Amino acid sequence: MSERWALAATEGGGALLAPLAQDGRPAGEVHHEPDLAAAVRARPGVGRWVWRSTAEIYPRLLDAGVRVERCYDVEDAEQLLLAHQGRLGEPRSAAAAWARLHHAPVPPDQPLRAAEPGSQSSLFDPEPVPVPFDGLLEVYADQQRRHDAAEHPGRMRLLTAAESAGMLVAAEMNRSGLPWRADVHREVLHELLGDRYAGGGEPRRLAELADAVSAAFGRRVRPALPADVVKAFTQAGIRVRSTRRWELEGIDHPAVEPLIQYKKLYRIWTAHGWSWLQDWVRDGRFRPGYLPGGTVSGRWTTNGGGALQIPKVIRRAVVADEGWRLVVADADQMEPRVLAAISRDPGLMEVAGHPDDLYARLSDRAFSGDREHAKLALLGAIYGQTSGDGLKNLAALRRRFPLAVGYVDDAARAGEEGRLVRTWLGRTSPWAAGTRDDDEAGIPQEEPDVGPPQGGFAPGYASSDARARGRFTRNFVVQGSAADWALLMLAALRRAIAELRAELVFFQHDEVIVHCPAEEADEVVAAVRAAGDTAGRITFGDTPVRFPFTTAVVRRYSDAK
């Protein structure tokens, strides 16, 4: 049986299938079968299924109890290949790709809508523009040629395979859902916010804090409105530019303490309060709708529900089932290790070749044992801090690790000059605004998750300012390569636990959660750690760099950190 088969769903739950040759062309006749899941189940020897969209096909298979090991997502591959050709923003659908092949009018992509809260569908989108089965086969064969023409064909094929694997993981996680105790969530909300008032108004604790803020200013102030707060401070003779916590903490005024408390609790009430609980938690599970590659750097986003920003206090509601555990794993200092691997800097690779604290080892080599300066220097190189102490620290880092710093400096220079940059596997940055005639053709105007965890150095990539663009591309080559590694880590972990009862239930950037029976926890921990190093070897080749994880086996997510 052919290693690859093309698959398309038909009306009424049927399927069209065809074996594929190495060049992507059909290697046999097209089969018409009445049942999609039965057609796949009857062909256990197929190594990889080629289909239009994982979001279209795989949830149907999962509903029927059919799990596939590998797939090739044509529309996801089209987006990666378009970006590689400097055409990110052009329609990515299979129908659009087929139209381009025939020089026909290209249909626009259908816009995604928010996921239906609590549903098991990872995307709540309109019907796709149809493409005939032979058109899908044409597009796939053309994509094979375009992979061959890539700057590094092998790496580009690996990226496409990794992204398709991520699509399978996302669909399975959305079906499994993150275990969520609604009763515990309600207890936490009552503890933090107090009683709820009829009509949906602010709960008791927020109302009390709002009164305290107003009393401190001597007039009625609405703390939920930043403009109202800024005006109140101005009238009190205090100039503030925003109501951000770091700015408020530097002000000596009796309104500051209740205002900071109000803002913290207000975010919980609006983002993860009673309405959120009612909308997003069903049958003891939270299903946010994961979007692999949701940002241009390859990082995942969600199609609603705020899964990637769950406050620690709310994590108390994430509780394993009876007799089960949560294995929570954080990749240790992931992006600095990725920089070591992609730059091939011998010194930094040696530092990153150990599973213990990378910053401590770095400080011993270049910063006289000062771990904090070592950390600031390395993160400054990645995120573009080039002034003040950051500049001095960067100079010390450059002397000791010239290839590593040179790698991100070259990426920054490319961005400043309006050129594209790529991750190690070939994921490609968008053009800077104003460098193409068609820069308005659907390219997002900002990527909110670019930047260091504590806020910092990399603004949105579409800025016309060359230095801002340079900071984005400097970070893109590292953060994007880390996202590529994470996809292969997930794929390796998924394969390692396939024969267990364990299930992947959560992923964000550098953190993964596996829900498993208590007796499987040790095996899962070992699988996570092995997956990190396996992904490192597959992604970056034979380097000494290690990709360790800090793991915790807990009943509650909040107990992991």
Protein backbone atom coordinates (compact mmCIF):
# COMPACT_ATOMS: atom_id res chain seq x y z
CA MET A 1 0.00 0.00 0.00
CA SER A 2 1.23 3.51 -0.85
CA GLU A 3 2.84 5.44 1.98
CA ARG A 4 0.65 8.47 1.21
CA TRP A 5 -3.01 8.66 0.30
CA ALA A 6 -5.07 11.71 -0.55
CA LEU A 7 -8.42 12.00 1.22
CA ALA A 8 -11.39 14.28 0.78
CA ALA A 9 -14.77 14.28 2.48
CA THR A 10 -17.90 14.15 0.36
CA GLU A 11 -21.50 15.03 1.08
CA GLY A 12 -23.32 12.52 3.21
CA GLY A 13 -20.23 11.43 5.15
CA GLY A 14 -18.45 9.67 2.28
CA ALA A 15 -14.90 9.94 1.01
CA LEU A 16 -12.73 10.15 -2.10
CA LEU A 17 -9.29 8.53 -1.80
CA ALA A 18 -6.28 7.97 -4.03
CA PRO A 19 -2.75 6.61 -3.48
CA LEU A 20 0.04 9.08 -4.23
CA ALA A 21 3.43 8.69 -5.88
CA GLN A 22 6.63 10.23 -4.52
CA ASP A 23 6.21 13.33 -6.70
CA GLY A 24 2.71 13.93 -5.34
CA ARG A 25 0.84 12.71 -8.41
CA PRO A 26 -1.81 9.97 -8.21
CA ALA A 27 -0.34 6.45 -8.21
CA GLY A 28 -3.60 4.62 -8.78
CA GLU A 29 -7.32 4.99 -9.28
CA VAL A 30 -9.60 7.21 -7.24
CA HIS A 31 -11.76 5.28 -4.75
CA HIS A 32 -15.30 6.37 -3.83
CA GLU A 33 -16.36 5.10 -0.42
CA PRO A 34 -19.60 5.74 1.49
CA ASP A 35 -18.07 6.21 4.96
CA LEU A 36 -15.14 8.53 5.66
CA ALA A 37 -14.08 6.94 8.94
CA ALA A 38 -14.48 3.39 7.62
CA ALA A 39 -12.34 4.25 4.60
CA VAL A 40 -9.49 5.39 6.84
CA ARG A 41 -9.93 2.56 9.33
CA ALA A 42 -9.69 0.02 6.49
CA ARG A 43 -6.23 1.29 5.49
CA PRO A 44 -4.00 0.99 8.58
CA GLY A 45 -0.88 0.82 6.41
CA VAL A 46 -1.18 4.39 5.15
CA GLY A 47 1.78 6.33 6.53
CA ARG A 48 0.46 9.83 5.91
CA TRP A 49 -2.96 11.14 4.93
CA VAL A 50 -3.01 14.16 2.60
CA TRP A 51 -6.12 16.31 3.00
CA ARG A 52 -7.32 19.83 2.45
CA SER A 53 -7.65 20.84 6.09
CA THR A 54 -7.18 19.02 9.37
CA ALA A 55 -9.92 21.13 10.93
CA GLU A 56 -12.33 19.83 8.28
CA ILE A 57 -11.45 16.10 8.37
CA TYR A 58 -9.85 15.06 11.65
CA PRO A 59 -12.63 15.96 14.13
CA ARG A 60 -14.97 13.71 12.11
CA LEU A 61 -12.49 10.85 12.37
CA LEU A 62 -12.02 11.40 16.10
CA ASP A 63 -15.79 11.38 16.59
CA ALA A 64 -15.78 7.92 14.99
CA GLY A 65 -12.90 6.72 17.18
CA VAL A 66 -10.31 6.86 14.38
CA ARG A 67 -6.88 8.30 15.14
CA VAL A 68 -4.23 8.86 12.45
CA GLU A 69 -0.50 8.98 13.05
CA ARG A 70 0.51 11.50 10.39
CA CYS A 71 -1.13 13.90 7.97
CA TYR A 72 -0.27 16.57 5.43
CA ASP A 73 -2.48 19.66 5.68
CA VAL A 74 -2.58 21.20 2.19
CA GLU A 75 -3.89 24.60 3.28
CA ASP A 76 -1.40 24.92 6.11
CA ALA A 77 1.41 23.97 3.72
CA GLU A 78 0.16 26.58 1.26
CA GLN A 79 0.49 29.32 3.88
CA LEU A 80 4.03 28.26 4.76
CA LEU A 81 5.06 28.08 1.10
CA LEU A 82 3.49 31.43 0.26
CA ALA A 83 5.39 33.03 3.12
CA HIS A 84 8.62 31.36 1.96
CA GLN A 85 8.08 32.98 -1.45
CA GLY A 86 7.49 36.39 0.15
CA ARG A 87 3.75 36.25 -0.54
CA LEU A 88 2.30 35.97 2.96
CA GLY A 89 -1.18 37.43 2.99
CA GLU A 90 -2.32 35.94 -0.32
CA PRO A 91 -5.28 33.53 0.00
CA ARG A 92 -4.13 30.18 1.38
CA SER A 93 -7.09 27.94 0.62
CA ALA A 94 -6.76 24.91 -1.63
CA ALA A 95 -9.26 26.57 -3.96
CA ALA A 96 -7.05 29.68 -4.17
CA ALA A 97 -3.95 27.59 -4.85
CA TRP A 98 -5.77 25.69 -7.60
CA ALA A 99 -6.95 28.97 -9.15
CA ARG A 100 -3.39 30.31 -9.20
CA LEU A 101 -2.23 27.17 -11.02
CA HIS A 102 -4.79 27.82 -13.76
CA HIS A 103 -4.41 31.63 -13.82
CA ALA A 104 -8.04 31.93 -12.80
CA PRO A 105 -9.58 34.49 -10.41
CA VAL A 106 -8.39 33.70 -6.91
CA PRO A 107 -11.15 33.43 -4.30
CA PRO A 108 -10.48 35.22 -1.01
CA ASP A 109 -10.05 33.24 2.18
CA GLN A 110 -13.14 32.94 4.32
CA PRO A 111 -12.60 34.86 7.59
CA LEU A 112 -12.51 32.82 10.76
CA ARG A 113 -15.13 33.48 13.38
CA ALA A 114 -14.75 32.89 17.08
CA ALA A 115 -15.05 29.32 18.26
CA GLU A 116 -18.42 28.32 19.63
CA PRO A 117 -17.81 28.46 23.42
CA GLY A 118 -17.43 25.01 24.91
CA SER A 119 -17.74 23.19 21.58
CA GLN A 120 -15.43 20.41 20.42
CA SER A 121 -14.96 22.08 17.04
CA SER A 122 -11.54 23.73 16.97
CA LEU A 123 -12.74 26.29 14.44
CA PHE A 124 -16.15 27.82 13.99
CA ASP A 125 -15.75 28.93 10.39
CA PRO A 126 -17.97 29.17 7.33
CA GLU A 127 -18.01 26.52 4.61
CA PRO A 128 -14.74 26.55 2.61
CA VAL A 129 -14.63 27.43 -1.08
CA PRO A 130 -14.99 24.02 -2.77
CA VAL A 131 -12.16 22.49 -4.78
CA PRO A 132 -12.56 19.29 -6.84
CA PHE A 133 -10.59 16.23 -5.78
CA ASP A 134 -8.39 16.33 -8.88
CA GLY A 135 -7.75 20.00 -8.10
CA LEU A 136 -6.60 19.07 -4.60
CA LEU A 137 -4.22 16.51 -6.13
CA GLU A 138 -2.84 19.13 -8.52
CA VAL A 139 -2.20 21.55 -5.68
CA TYR A 140 -0.44 18.87 -3.62
CA ALA A 141 1.83 17.90 -6.53
CA ASP A 142 2.67 21.56 -7.13
CA GLN A 143 3.51 22.00 -3.45
CA GLN A 144 6.01 19.16 -3.71
CA ARG A 145 7.77 21.05 -6.51
CA ARG A 146 7.74 24.23 -4.46
CA HIS A 147 9.27 22.40 -1.49
CA ASP A 148 12.07 21.23 -3.80
CA ALA A 149 12.68 24.86 -4.81
CA ALA A 150 12.92 26.12 -1.23
CA GLU A 151 16.18 27.49 0.15
CA HIS A 152 16.64 24.32 2.24
CA PRO A 153 14.19 21.76 0.83
CA GLY A 154 14.71 19.16 3.55
CA ARG A 155 14.15 21.65 6.34
CA MET A 156 11.09 23.10 4.62
CA ARG A 157 9.53 19.65 4.27
CA LEU A 158 10.23 19.03 7.94
CA LEU A 159 8.54 22.32 8.86
CA THR A 160 5.46 21.40 6.86
CA ALA A 161 5.32 17.95 8.46
CA ALA A 162 5.78 19.47 11.92
CA GLU A 163 3.02 22.02 11.40
CA SER A 164 0.66 19.31 10.15
CA ALA A 165 1.51 17.23 13.24
CA GLY A 166 0.64 20.26 15.35
CA MET A 167 -2.76 20.38 13.67
CA LEU A 168 -3.42 16.78 14.75
CA VAL A 169 -2.35 17.57 18.32
CA ALA A 170 -4.60 20.65 18.41
CA ALA A 171 -7.63 18.68 17.23
CA GLU A 172 -7.00 15.94 19.79
CA MET A 173 -6.49 18.43 22.63
CA ASN A 174 -9.68 20.21 21.71
CA ARG A 175 -11.55 16.92 21.85
CA SER A 176 -9.98 15.90 25.18
CA GLY A 177 -10.31 19.33 26.79
CA LEU A 178 -8.51 20.61 29.87
CA PRO A 179 -10.03 19.13 33.07
CA TRP A 180 -11.93 21.93 34.80
CA ARG A 181 -13.88 21.89 38.08
CA ALA A 182 -16.69 24.41 37.78
CA ASP A 183 -17.49 24.14 41.50
CA VAL A 184 -13.90 25.02 42.45
CA HIS A 185 -13.91 27.91 39.98
CA ARG A 186 -17.07 29.31 41.59
CA GLU A 187 -15.50 29.00 45.06
CA VAL A 188 -12.44 30.94 43.88
CA LEU A 189 -14.58 33.67 42.34
CA HIS A 190 -16.63 34.06 45.51
CA GLU A 191 -13.45 34.15 47.60
CA LEU A 192 -11.91 36.86 45.40
CA LEU A 193 -14.92 38.89 44.29
CA GLY A 194 -17.59 38.33 46.92
CA ASP A 195 -21.30 38.16 46.23
CA ARG A 196 -22.75 38.68 42.78
CA TYR A 197 -25.39 41.36 42.30
CA ALA A 198 -28.51 40.92 40.20
CA GLY A 199 -28.38 42.41 36.73
CA GLY A 200 -24.73 41.60 36.03
CA GLY A 201 -23.23 44.56 37.84
CA GLU A 202 -19.83 44.53 39.52
CA PRO A 203 -19.57 42.02 42.38
CA ARG A 204 -19.31 43.19 45.97
CA ARG A 205 -15.51 43.33 46.32
CA LEU A 206 -15.08 45.36 43.12
CA ALA A 207 -17.78 47.77 44.23
CA GLU A 208 -16.00 48.22 47.59
CA LEU A 209 -12.66 48.89 45.90
CA ALA A 210 -14.28 51.34 43.47
CA ASP A 211 -15.73 53.21 46.46
CA ALA A 212 -12.27 53.25 48.10
CA VAL A 213 -10.69 54.71 44.96
CA SER A 214 -13.35 57.40 44.76
CA ALA A 215 -12.97 58.23 48.45
CA ALA A 216 -9.20 58.62 48.01
CA PHE A 217 -9.73 61.15 45.20
CA GLY A 218 -12.59 62.92 46.96
CA ARG A 219 -14.94 62.48 44.00
CA ARG A 220 -16.60 59.72 42.01
CA VAL A 221 -14.04 57.93 39.82
CA ARG A 222 -14.71 54.92 37.62
CA PRO A 223 -11.58 52.78 38.01
CA ALA A 224 -12.49 50.58 35.03
CA LEU A 225 -11.99 53.59 32.73
CA PRO A 226 -8.28 54.54 32.34
CA ALA A 227 -9.13 58.03 31.09
CA ASP A 228 -11.17 58.70 34.22
CA VAL A 229 -8.30 57.56 36.44
CA VAL A 230 -5.68 59.63 34.57
CA LYS A 231 -7.94 62.69 34.84
CA ALA A 232 -8.38 62.13 38.59
CA PHE A 233 -4.62 61.93 39.14
CA THR A 234 -4.11 65.07 37.04
CA GLN A 235 -6.64 66.95 39.15
CA ALA A 236 -4.72 65.72 42.21
CA GLY A 237 -1.55 67.29 40.78
CA ILE A 238 0.03 64.00 39.69
CA ARG A 239 0.93 63.47 36.03
CA VAL A 240 0.57 59.87 34.78
CA ARG A 241 0.72 58.59 31.22
CA SER A 242 -1.21 55.36 31.83
CA THR A 243 -2.77 53.21 34.52
CA ARG A 244 -0.29 50.36 34.10
CA ARG A 245 0.73 48.77 37.36
CA TRP A 246 4.44 49.57 37.06
CA GLU A 247 3.63 53.27 36.72
CA LEU A 248 1.05 53.33 39.50
CA GLU A 249 3.40 51.63 41.97
CA GLY A 250 5.74 54.61 41.78
CA ILE A 251 3.05 57.07 42.91
CA ASP A 252 2.49 58.13 46.51
CA HIS A 253 -1.28 58.50 46.73
CA PRO A 254 -3.94 56.69 48.82
CA ALA A 255 -5.86 55.67 45.65
CA VAL A 256 -3.00 53.54 44.34
CA GLU A 257 -3.42 50.44 46.51
CA PRO A 258 -7.18 49.96 46.00
CA LEU A 259 -6.80 50.85 42.32
CA ILE A 260 -4.18 48.14 41.73
CA GLN A 261 -6.31 45.60 43.57
CA TYR A 262 -9.36 46.67 41.56
CA LYS A 263 -7.57 46.29 38.23
CA LYS A 264 -6.33 42.80 39.12
CA LEU A 265 -9.75 41.57 40.22
CA TYR A 266 -11.53 43.33 37.37
CA ARG A 267 -9.44 41.37 34.84
CA ILE A 268 -10.37 38.12 36.55
CA TRP A 269 -14.06 39.06 36.63
CA THR A 270 -14.21 40.05 32.95
CA ALA A 271 -11.82 37.44 31.51
CA HIS A 272 -12.46 34.36 33.71
CA GLY A 273 -15.53 35.20 35.76
CA TRP A 274 -18.96 33.59 36.02
CA SER A 275 -19.94 34.42 32.43
CA TRP A 276 -16.72 32.88 31.10
CA LEU A 277 -17.34 29.74 33.16
CA GLN A 278 -20.85 29.40 31.80
CA ASP A 279 -19.72 29.91 28.20
CA TRP A 280 -16.52 27.85 28.04
CA VAL A 281 -16.69 24.90 30.44
CA ARG A 282 -18.80 21.91 29.39
CA ASP A 283 -18.95 18.49 31.03
CA GLY A 284 -15.93 19.24 33.21
CA ARG A 285 -13.68 20.30 30.32
CA PHE A 286 -12.43 23.60 28.89
CA ARG A 287 -11.99 23.57 25.09
CA PRO A 288 -10.59 26.87 23.77
CA GLY A 289 -10.01 26.01 20.08
CA TYR A 290 -6.23 25.91 19.53
CA LEU A 291 -4.78 27.56 16.41
CA PRO A 292 -1.29 26.19 15.61
CA GLY A 293 0.78 28.83 13.85
CA GLY A 294 -1.75 31.48 14.87
CA THR A 295 0.98 34.15 14.72
CA VAL A 296 3.57 34.72 12.01
CA SER A 297 6.32 33.48 14.32
CA GLY A 298 4.58 30.10 14.56
CA ARG A 299 3.41 30.45 18.13
CA TRP A 300 -0.02 29.04 18.89
CA THR A 301 -3.03 31.12 19.70
CA THR A 302 -6.58 30.14 20.62
CA ASN A 303 -9.83 30.97 18.89
CA GLY A 304 -11.44 32.19 22.09
CA GLY A 305 -11.50 31.44 25.79
CA GLY A 306 -8.16 32.99 26.79
CA ALA A 307 -6.49 29.62 27.42
CA LEU A 308 -3.01 31.09 27.10
CA GLN A 309 -3.62 33.67 29.84
CA ILE A 310 -5.12 31.70 32.73
CA PRO A 311 -4.31 33.55 35.99
CA LYS A 312 -2.55 31.41 38.58
CA VAL A 313 -5.36 31.78 41.09
CA ILE A 314 -7.86 30.46 38.51
CA ARG A 315 -5.60 27.48 37.82
CA ARG A 316 -6.88 26.08 41.10
CA ALA A 317 -9.94 24.98 39.10
CA VAL A 318 -7.82 22.83 36.75
CA VAL A 319 -8.03 19.54 38.64
CA ALA A 320 -7.16 16.06 37.40
CA ASP A 321 -9.89 13.41 37.38
CA GLU A 322 -10.08 11.06 40.33
CA GLY A 323 -7.11 8.69 40.22
CA TRP A 324 -5.42 10.78 37.54
CA ARG A 325 -2.64 13.39 37.59
CA LEU A 326 -1.51 16.41 35.63
CA VAL A 327 2.07 16.27 34.38
CA VAL A 328 2.99 19.93 33.92
CA ALA A 329 6.23 20.48 32.00
CA ASP A 330 8.05 23.75 31.30
CA ALA A 331 10.90 23.93 28.81
CA ASP A 332 13.87 25.44 30.62
CA GLN A 333 15.33 28.61 29.07
CA MET A 334 14.12 27.49 25.67
CA GLU A 335 14.91 30.49 23.50
CA PRO A 336 18.55 30.91 24.66
CA ARG A 337 19.08 27.21 23.93
CA VAL A 338 17.53 27.66 20.51
CA LEU A 339 19.89 30.58 19.80
CA ALA A 340 22.83 28.33 20.67
CA ALA A 341 21.59 25.68 18.24
CA ILE A 342 20.81 27.95 15.27
CA SER A 343 23.93 30.14 15.61
CA ARG A 344 26.27 27.16 16.00
CA ASP A 345 28.32 29.25 18.43
CA PRO A 346 30.70 26.70 20.01
CA GLY A 347 30.87 28.48 23.36
CA LEU A 348 27.14 28.97 23.75
CA MET A 349 26.44 25.43 22.57
CA GLU A 350 28.75 24.15 25.28
CA VAL A 351 26.91 26.25 27.88
CA ALA A 352 23.56 24.98 26.57
CA GLY A 353 24.80 21.40 26.48
CA HIS A 354 23.87 20.83 30.11
CA PRO A 355 20.40 20.40 31.60
CA ASP A 356 21.02 22.69 34.57
CA ASP A 357 20.69 26.49 34.84
CA LEU A 358 21.97 28.00 31.59
CA TYR A 359 22.21 31.53 32.99
CA ALA A 360 24.36 30.38 35.91
CA ARG A 361 26.77 28.67 33.54
CA LEU A 362 26.77 31.72 31.28
CA SER A 363 27.55 34.01 34.21
CA ASP A 364 30.56 31.88 35.14
CA ARG A 365 31.93 32.24 31.60
CA ALA A 366 31.41 35.93 30.87
CA PHE A 367 29.92 37.87 33.79
CA SER A 368 32.01 37.06 36.84
CA GLY A 369 29.28 34.91 38.33
CA ASP A 370 26.57 37.60 38.06
CA ARG A 371 23.60 35.53 36.90
CA GLU A 372 21.23 38.49 36.53
CA HIS A 373 23.60 40.35 34.21
CA ALA A 374 24.11 37.18 32.18
CA LYS A 375 20.36 36.73 31.80
CA LEU A 376 19.79 40.37 30.84
CA ALA A 377 22.58 40.20 28.28
CA LEU A 378 21.29 37.08 26.55
CA LEU A 379 17.66 38.19 26.53
CA GLY A 380 18.78 41.63 25.39
CA ALA A 381 20.52 40.03 22.41
CA ILE A 382 17.37 38.11 21.51
CA TYR A 383 14.89 40.94 22.06
CA GLY A 384 16.97 43.91 21.00
CA GLN A 385 17.83 45.88 24.12
CA THR A 386 20.61 48.12 22.80
CA SER A 387 20.82 50.98 25.31
CA GLY A 388 21.93 51.57 28.89
CA ASP A 389 23.11 48.56 30.87
CA GLY A 390 21.75 46.34 28.11
CA LEU A 391 24.31 47.73 25.66
CA LYS A 392 27.19 47.11 28.09
CA ASN A 393 26.00 43.59 28.82
CA LEU A 394 25.57 42.91 25.12
CA ALA A 395 29.14 43.99 24.43
CA ALA A 396 30.42 41.49 26.99
CA LEU A 397 28.29 38.77 25.44
CA ARG A 398 29.53 39.61 21.95
CA ARG A 399 33.16 39.26 23.00
CA ARG A 400 32.57 35.81 24.47
CA PHE A 401 29.96 34.46 22.03
CA PRO A 402 30.47 36.31 18.71
CA LEU A 403 28.60 33.85 16.48
CA ALA A 404 25.48 33.89 18.63
CA VAL A 405 25.28 37.67 18.83
CA GLY A 406 26.28 37.99 15.18
CA TYR A 407 23.40 35.71 14.18
CA VAL A 408 20.70 37.92 15.71
CA ASP A 409 22.54 41.09 14.67
CA ASP A 410 22.42 39.88 11.05
CA ALA A 411 18.70 39.17 11.39
CA ALA A 412 18.13 42.66 12.80
CA ARG A 413 20.10 44.22 9.95
CA ALA A 414 18.04 42.29 7.41
CA GLY A 415 14.86 43.62 8.98
CA GLU A 416 16.12 47.19 9.04
CA GLU A 417 16.92 46.89 5.32
CA GLY A 418 13.45 45.50 4.56
CA ARG A 419 14.60 41.97 3.78
CA LEU A 420 12.93 38.71 4.84
CA VAL A 421 14.37 36.39 7.47
CA ARG A 422 13.67 32.73 8.14
CA THR A 423 13.63 30.38 11.07
CA TRP A 424 16.00 27.41 11.05
CA LEU A 425 13.41 25.23 9.30
CA GLY A 426 12.28 27.93 6.88
CA ARG A 427 9.28 29.72 8.40
CA THR A 428 9.50 33.17 6.83
CA SER A 429 8.82 36.61 8.25
CA PRO A 430 6.35 38.97 6.55
CA TRP A 431 7.52 41.96 4.59
CA ALA A 432 7.80 45.24 6.45
CA ALA A 433 4.96 47.67 5.82
CA GLY A 434 5.66 49.82 2.80
CA THR A 435 8.23 47.48 1.21
CA ARG A 436 5.71 45.87 -1.17
CA ASP A 437 2.98 47.33 -3.31
CA ASP A 438 0.57 44.78 -1.87
CA ASP A 439 1.54 45.08 1.79
CA GLU A 440 -2.11 45.61 2.63
CA ALA A 441 -3.09 42.21 1.17
CA GLY A 442 -4.22 40.63 4.37
CA ILE A 443 -1.02 40.61 6.42
CA PRO A 444 -1.81 41.18 10.12
CA GLN A 445 -0.66 44.56 11.35
CA GLU A 446 0.71 43.40 14.65
CA GLU A 447 1.70 40.24 16.44
CA PRO A 448 0.77 40.69 20.09
CA ASP A 449 2.84 37.82 21.46
CA VAL A 450 6.20 39.03 20.10
CA GLY A 451 8.32 40.30 22.96
CA PRO A 452 9.85 39.18 26.22
CA PRO A 453 7.68 37.89 29.04
CA GLN A 454 8.18 41.09 31.04
CA GLY A 455 7.29 43.43 28.33
CA GLY A 456 10.13 44.90 26.57
CA PHE A 457 11.90 45.37 23.46
CA ALA A 458 10.00 44.14 20.39
CA PRO A 459 7.00 46.08 19.13
CA GLY A 460 4.63 45.06 16.35
CA TYR A 461 6.36 44.04 13.18
CA ALA A 462 4.43 46.28 10.80
CA SER A 463 5.98 49.49 12.14
CA SER A 464 7.48 51.71 9.44
CA ASP A 465 10.40 52.42 11.74
CA ALA A 466 13.43 50.43 10.55
CA ARG A 467 14.76 49.84 14.05
CA ALA A 468 11.45 48.45 15.20
CA ARG A 469 11.45 46.14 12.20
CA GLY A 470 15.00 45.08 13.10
CA ARG A 471 13.97 44.25 16.65
CA PHE A 472 11.15 42.12 15.27
CA THR A 473 13.33 40.14 12.85
CA ARG A 474 16.05 39.73 15.52
CA ASN A 475 13.48 38.04 17.74
CA PHE A 476 11.68 36.25 14.90
CA VAL A 477 14.59 33.98 13.99
CA VAL A 478 14.85 32.77 17.59
CA GLN A 479 11.22 32.73 18.68
CA GLY A 480 10.12 31.23 15.38
CA SER A 481 12.78 28.52 15.54
CA ALA A 482 11.64 27.77 19.08
CA ALA A 483 8.08 27.39 17.79
CA ASP A 484 9.35 24.96 15.15
CA TRP A 485 11.11 22.93 17.84
CA ALA A 486 7.97 22.93 19.99
CA LEU A 487 5.93 21.40 17.15
CA LEU A 488 8.37 18.52 16.83
CA MET A 489 8.46 18.11 20.61
CA LEU A 490 4.67 17.78 20.64
CA ALA A 491 4.80 15.29 17.78
CA ALA A 492 7.42 13.18 19.58
CA LEU A 493 5.48 13.30 22.85
CA ARG A 494 2.20 12.42 21.12
CA ARG A 495 3.83 9.37 19.57
CA ALA A 496 5.49 8.32 22.83
CA ILE A 497 2.23 8.26 24.80
CA ALA A 498 0.05 6.83 22.03
CA GLU A 499 -0.22 3.42 23.70
CA LEU A 500 -1.01 4.89 27.13
CA ARG A 501 -4.28 6.24 28.48
CA ALA A 502 -2.54 9.59 28.90
CA GLU A 503 -3.74 12.52 26.82
CA LEU A 504 -2.26 15.87 25.85
CA VAL A 505 -4.61 18.55 27.17
CA PHE A 506 -2.76 21.90 27.10
CA PHE A 507 0.07 23.67 25.32
CA GLN A 508 1.40 27.21 25.25
CA HIS A 509 4.77 28.35 23.91
CA ASP A 510 7.07 26.46 26.29
CA GLU A 511 4.62 24.59 28.53
CA VAL A 512 2.73 21.36 28.03
CA ILE A 513 0.26 19.49 30.25
CA VAL A 514 -0.51 15.78 30.01
CA HIS A 515 -3.50 14.31 31.87
CA CYS A 516 -2.80 10.70 32.81
CA PRO A 517 -3.64 7.94 35.30
CA ALA A 518 -1.46 8.28 38.40
CA GLU A 519 0.36 5.03 37.61
CA GLU A 520 1.45 6.40 34.21
CA ALA A 521 2.89 9.67 35.55
CA ASP A 522 6.53 8.54 35.78
CA GLU A 523 6.41 7.18 32.24
CA VAL A 524 4.91 10.42 30.97
CA VAL A 525 7.59 12.51 32.71
CA ALA A 526 10.27 10.42 31.01
CA ALA A 527 8.48 10.77 27.68
CA VAL A 528 8.36 14.57 27.99
CA ARG A 529 12.06 14.83 28.74
CA ALA A 530 12.97 12.48 25.90
CA ALA A 531 10.72 14.40 23.50
CA GLY A 532 12.60 17.64 24.19
CA ASP A 533 15.97 16.24 23.19
CA THR A 534 14.51 14.22 20.31
CA ALA A 535 12.96 17.38 18.89
CA GLY A 536 16.29 19.17 19.33
CA ARG A 537 18.11 16.57 17.23
CA ILE A 538 15.44 16.46 14.53
CA THR A 539 15.05 20.22 14.31
CA PHE A 540 18.65 21.44 14.56
CA GLY A 541 20.71 18.41 13.68
CA ASP A 542 23.62 17.00 15.64
CA THR A 543 24.51 19.64 18.24
CA PRO A 544 25.43 19.32 21.92
CA VAL A 545 22.51 21.56 22.94
CA ARG A 546 20.08 20.02 25.44
CA PHE A 547 16.41 20.94 25.80
CA PRO A 548 15.47 19.99 29.37
CA PHE A 549 12.11 20.34 31.09
CA THR A 550 11.11 21.12 34.64
CA THR A 551 8.21 18.79 35.42
CA ALA A 552 5.67 18.53 38.22
CA VAL A 553 3.14 15.78 38.86
CA VAL A 554 0.13 17.37 40.57
CA ARG A 555 -3.61 17.11 41.12
CA ARG A 556 -4.12 20.85 40.55
CA TYR A 557 -2.47 23.00 37.92
CA SER A 558 -1.92 25.77 40.48
CA ASP A 559 0.34 23.46 42.52
CA ALA A 560 2.84 23.10 39.66
CA LYS A 561 4.52 26.49 40.11
